[in-house]
């Protein structure tokens, strides 16, 4: 997302699994800059979101990409990856 000269990533979720889940939201920008945020998704049916801190934009929206990964709770090596979703610019979209 961009606005007011700042860029950030946001992922919306709704956890209907009945158990706590984890999410990792990663924002990748120009020059190899990366911000990673870990979120806990409560075991309820309420909508929520996970959002990286906002930072000064270093280029147009096309210079950034974001990935959200959702996994089960527990030790990382035992938690199954449930979903990986990434940003994608439409062909011909302008910055």
C-alpha atoms as a PDB file:
ATOM      1  CA  UNK A   1       0.000   0.000   0.000  1.00  0.00           C
ATOM      2  CA  UNK A   2       1.153   3.560  -0.604  1.00  0.00           C
ATOM      3  CA  UNK A   3      -0.062   6.948   0.534  1.00  0.00           C
ATOM      4  CA  UNK A   4       1.324  10.268   1.697  1.00  0.00           C
ATOM      5  CA  UNK A   5       4.835   9.375   0.521  1.00  0.00           C
ATOM      6  CA  UNK A   6       4.869   6.168   2.594  1.00  0.00           C
ATOM      7  CA  UNK A   7       4.734   2.466   1.719  1.00  0.00           C
ATOM      8  CA  UNK A   8       3.592  -0.477   3.858  1.00  0.00           C
ATOM      9  CA  UNK A   9       2.066  -3.952   3.569  1.00  0.00           C
ATOM     10  CA  UNK A  10      -1.221  -5.161   5.031  1.00  0.00           C
ATOM     11  CA  UNK A  11      -2.827  -8.602   5.038  1.00  0.00           C
ATOM     12  CA  UNK A  12      -6.407  -9.246   6.093  1.00  0.00           C
ATOM     13  CA  UNK A  13      -7.442 -12.509   7.717  1.00  0.00           C
ATOM     14  CA  UNK A  14     -10.334 -14.352   9.293  1.00  0.00           C
ATOM     15  CA  UNK A  15      -9.406 -17.470  11.261  1.00  0.00           C
ATOM     16  CA  UNK A  16     -12.289 -19.946  11.340  1.00  0.00           C
ATOM     17  CA  UNK A  17     -10.048 -22.958  12.065  1.00  0.00           C
ATOM     18  CA  UNK A  18     -10.865 -23.033  15.777  1.00  0.00           C
ATOM     19  CA  UNK A  19      -7.179 -22.905  16.699  1.00  0.00           C
ATOM     20  CA  UNK A  20      -4.525 -20.215  16.866  1.00  0.00           C
ATOM     21  CA  UNK A  21      -2.551 -19.627  13.662  1.00  0.00           C
ATOM     22  CA  UNK A  22       0.541 -17.592  12.788  1.00  0.00           C
ATOM     23  CA  UNK A  23       1.227 -15.242   9.918  1.00  0.00           C
ATOM     24  CA  UNK A  24       4.428 -13.714   8.568  1.00  0.00           C
ATOM     25  CA  UNK A  25       4.028 -10.606   6.433  1.00  0.00           C
ATOM     26  CA  UNK A  26       7.081  -9.591   4.391  1.00  0.00           C
ATOM     27  CA  UNK A  27       7.469  -6.317   2.475  1.00  0.00           C
ATOM     28  CA  UNK A  28      10.354  -6.229  -0.015  1.00  0.00           C
ATOM     29  CA  UNK A  29      11.508  -2.916  -1.431  1.00  0.00           C
ATOM     30  CA  UNK A  30      14.206  -1.434  -3.644  1.00  0.00           C
ATOM     31  CA  UNK A  31      17.839  -1.936  -2.765  1.00  0.00           C
ATOM     32  CA  UNK A  32      17.185  -5.250  -0.993  1.00  0.00           C
ATOM     33  CA  UNK A  33      15.293  -3.585   1.848  1.00  0.00           C
ATOM     34  CA  UNK A  34      12.959  -6.007   3.651  1.00  0.00           C
ATOM     35  CA  UNK A  35      10.566  -5.672   6.582  1.00  0.00           C
ATOM     36  CA  UNK A  36       9.153  -8.819   8.200  1.00  0.00           C
ATOM     37  CA  UNK A  37       6.311  -8.864  10.725  1.00  0.00           C
ATOM     38  CA  UNK A  38       5.075 -11.871  12.726  1.00  0.00           C
ATOM     39  CA  UNK A  39       1.396 -11.924  13.755  1.00  0.00           C
ATOM     40  CA  UNK A  40      -0.740 -14.288  15.829  1.00  0.00           C
ATOM     41  CA  UNK A  41      -4.244 -14.958  14.531  1.00  0.00           C
ATOM     42  CA  UNK A  42      -6.604 -15.656  17.423  1.00  0.00           C
ATOM     43  CA  UNK A  43      -8.861 -18.712  17.220  1.00  0.00           C
ATOM     44  CA  UNK A  44     -12.075 -16.829  16.553  1.00  0.00           C
ATOM     45  CA  UNK A  45     -14.246 -15.845  13.612  1.00  0.00           C
ATOM     46  CA  UNK A  46     -13.536 -12.104  13.818  1.00  0.00           C
ATOM     47  CA  UNK A  47     -11.848 -10.392  10.871  1.00  0.00           C
ATOM     48  CA  UNK A  48      -8.454  -8.855  11.531  1.00  0.00           C
ATOM     49  CA  UNK A  49      -5.356  -7.552   9.827  1.00  0.00           C
ATOM     50  CA  UNK A  50      -1.588  -7.599  10.116  1.00  0.00           C
ATOM     51  CA  UNK A  51       0.333  -4.505   8.973  1.00  0.00           C
ATOM     52  CA  UNK A  52       4.016  -3.636   8.651  1.00  0.00           C
ATOM     53  CA  UNK A  53       5.244  -0.280   9.915  1.00  0.00           C
ATOM     54  CA  UNK A  54       5.012   2.528   7.375  1.00  0.00           C
ATOM     55  CA  UNK A  55       8.207   3.855   5.870  1.00  0.00           C
ATOM     56  CA  UNK A  56       9.223   6.563   3.436  1.00  0.00           C
ATOM     57  CA  UNK A  57       8.662   5.399  -0.147  1.00  0.00           C
ATOM     58  CA  UNK A  58      11.788   4.800  -2.220  1.00  0.00           C
ATOM     59  CA  UNK A  59      10.151   4.492  -5.603  1.00  0.00           C
ATOM     60  CA  UNK A  60       6.734   3.790  -7.039  1.00  0.00           C
ATOM     61  CA  UNK A  61       4.465   0.898  -6.057  1.00  0.00           C
ATOM     62  CA  UNK A  62       6.063  -1.294  -8.732  1.00  0.00           C
ATOM     63  CA  UNK A  63       9.342  -1.219  -6.791  1.00  0.00           C
ATOM     64  CA  UNK A  64       7.746  -3.175  -3.916  1.00  0.00           C
ATOM     65  CA  UNK A  65       6.370  -6.672  -3.381  1.00  0.00           C
ATOM     66  CA  UNK A  66       4.672  -8.266  -0.386  1.00  0.00           C
ATOM     67  CA  UNK A  67       4.132 -11.868   0.702  1.00  0.00           C
ATOM     68  CA  UNK A  68       1.858 -13.158   3.475  1.00  0.00           C
ATOM     69  CA  UNK A  69       2.398 -16.702   4.793  1.00  0.00           C
ATOM     70  CA  UNK A  70      -0.070 -18.382   7.128  1.00  0.00           C
ATOM     71  CA  UNK A  71       0.875 -21.443   9.180  1.00  0.00           C
ATOM     72  CA  UNK A  72      -0.320 -23.522  12.093  1.00  0.00           C
ATOM     73  CA  UNK A  73       0.829 -22.734  15.621  1.00  0.00           C
ATOM     74  CA  UNK A  74       3.626 -24.591  17.380  1.00  0.00           C
ATOM     75  CA  UNK A  75       7.297 -25.053  16.586  1.00  0.00           C
ATOM     76  CA  UNK A  76       8.154 -23.705  13.135  1.00  0.00           C
ATOM     77  CA  UNK A  77       9.582 -27.036  11.952  1.00  0.00           C
ATOM     78  CA  UNK A  78       6.300 -28.807  12.868  1.00  0.00           C
ATOM     79  CA  UNK A  79       3.755 -26.169  11.804  1.00  0.00           C
ATOM     80  CA  UNK A  80       2.259 -26.779   8.372  1.00  0.00           C
ATOM     81  CA  UNK A  81       2.265 -23.921   5.837  1.00  0.00           C
ATOM     82  CA  UNK A  82      -1.407 -23.332   5.079  1.00  0.00           C
ATOM     83  CA  UNK A  83      -1.301 -20.461   2.603  1.00  0.00           C
ATOM     84  CA  UNK A  84       1.225 -18.244   0.838  1.00  0.00           C
ATOM     85  CA  UNK A  85      -0.103 -15.186  -0.999  1.00  0.00           C
ATOM     86  CA  UNK A  86       1.877 -12.498  -2.770  1.00  0.00           C
ATOM     87  CA  UNK A  87       1.287  -9.152  -4.376  1.00  0.00           C
ATOM     88  CA  UNK A  88       1.091  -8.973  -8.133  1.00  0.00           C
ATOM     89  CA  UNK A  89       0.829  -5.909 -10.342  1.00  0.00           C
ATOM     90  CA  UNK A  90      -1.601  -6.134 -13.211  1.00  0.00           C
ATOM     91  CA  UNK A  91      -0.010  -6.047 -16.672  1.00  0.00           C
ATOM     92  CA  UNK A  92       0.201  -2.453 -17.873  1.00  0.00           C
ATOM     93  CA  UNK A  93      -0.421  -0.976 -14.389  1.00  0.00           C
ATOM     94  CA  UNK A  94       1.386   2.313 -13.846  1.00  0.00           C
ATOM     95  CA  UNK A  95       3.321   3.369 -10.736  1.00  0.00           C
END
